[in-house]
Amino acid sequence: MVKIKWLRSTDVDPAGIATACKAELVQTRGGRTMVLARQRKISR
C-alpha cells in the first residue's frame, strides 16, 4: 500500500491516477490524501 498526499492548490483525480498506475484506489482521505494498493490478480 502507498499513501499519497498532494497540495490543496493542485487539481488531482485519484481514480485517474489509480487507473494509470494499474492500482486499486483503497481510500480517499480529507480530499487531499489517497491510499493505493496493488491490483489483485484473479485466480482461475
C-alpha atoms as a PDB file:
ATOM      1  CA  MET A   1       0.000   0.000   0.000  1.00  0.00           C
ATOM      2  CA  VAL A   2       1.044   3.550  -0.714  1.00  0.00           C
ATOM      3  CA  LYS A   3      -0.315   6.721   0.878  1.00  0.00           C
ATOM      4  CA  ILE A   4      -0.081   9.817  -1.349  1.00  0.00           C
ATOM      5  CA  LYS A   5      -0.678  13.423  -0.289  1.00  0.00           C
ATOM      6  CA  TRP A   6      -0.940  16.469  -2.550  1.00  0.00           C
ATOM      7  CA  LEU A   7      -1.258  20.234  -2.138  1.00  0.00           C
ATOM      8  CA  ARG A   8      -4.709  21.784  -1.849  1.00  0.00           C
ATOM      9  CA  SER A   9      -3.985  24.075  -4.798  1.00  0.00           C
ATOM     10  CA  THR A  10      -3.391  21.067  -7.093  1.00  0.00           C
ATOM     11  CA  ASP A  11      -6.208  19.527  -9.145  1.00  0.00           C
ATOM     12  CA  VAL A  12      -5.913  15.730  -8.687  1.00  0.00           C
ATOM     13  CA  ASP A  13      -8.129  12.869  -9.880  1.00  0.00           C
ATOM     14  CA  PRO A  14      -7.410   9.932  -7.524  1.00  0.00           C
ATOM     15  CA  ALA A  15      -9.375   7.429  -9.645  1.00  0.00           C
ATOM     16  CA  GLY A  16      -7.499   8.507 -12.771  1.00  0.00           C
ATOM     17  CA  ILE A  17      -4.143   8.123 -11.061  1.00  0.00           C
ATOM     18  CA  ALA A  18      -5.082   4.671  -9.770  1.00  0.00           C
ATOM     19  CA  THR A  19      -6.112   3.579 -13.270  1.00  0.00           C
ATOM     20  CA  ALA A  20      -2.934   4.956 -14.842  1.00  0.00           C
ATOM     21  CA  CYS A  21      -0.789   3.160 -12.235  1.00  0.00           C
ATOM     22  CA  LYS A  22      -2.808  -0.057 -12.574  1.00  0.00           C
ATOM     23  CA  ALA A  23      -3.533   0.121  -8.853  1.00  0.00           C
ATOM     24  CA  GLU A  24      -6.636  -0.138  -6.711  1.00  0.00           C
ATOM     25  CA  LEU A  25      -7.892   3.036  -5.039  1.00  0.00           C
ATOM     26  CA  VAL A  26      -8.466   1.895  -1.458  1.00  0.00           C
ATOM     27  CA  GLN A  27      -9.465   5.186   0.153  1.00  0.00           C
ATOM     28  CA  THR A  28      -9.537   8.972  -0.283  1.00  0.00           C
ATOM     29  CA  ARG A  29      -8.993  10.848   2.959  1.00  0.00           C
ATOM     30  CA  GLY A  30      -9.770  14.502   3.639  1.00  0.00           C
ATOM     31  CA  GLY A  31      -9.906  15.370  -0.057  1.00  0.00           C
ATOM     32  CA  ARG A  32      -6.119  15.544  -0.455  1.00  0.00           C
ATOM     33  CA  THR A  33      -4.801  12.117   0.521  1.00  0.00           C
ATOM     34  CA  MET A  34      -5.297   8.797  -1.264  1.00  0.00           C
ATOM     35  CA  VAL A  35      -4.319   5.228  -0.487  1.00  0.00           C
ATOM     36  CA  LEU A  36      -3.397   2.912  -3.368  1.00  0.00           C
ATOM     37  CA  ALA A  37      -2.791  -0.844  -3.363  1.00  0.00           C
ATOM     38  CA  ARG A  38      -1.619  -3.318  -5.968  1.00  0.00           C
ATOM     39  CA  GLN A  39      -4.401  -4.763  -8.067  1.00  0.00           C
ATOM     40  CA  ARG A  40      -5.077  -8.349  -7.128  1.00  0.00           C
ATOM     41  CA  LYS A  41      -4.766 -10.974  -9.824  1.00  0.00           C
ATOM     42  CA  ILE A  42      -7.842 -13.081 -10.429  1.00  0.00           C
ATOM     43  CA  SER A  43      -7.129 -16.796  -9.932  1.00  0.00           C
ATOM     44  CA  ARG A  44      -8.751 -19.086 -12.442  1.00  0.00           C
END
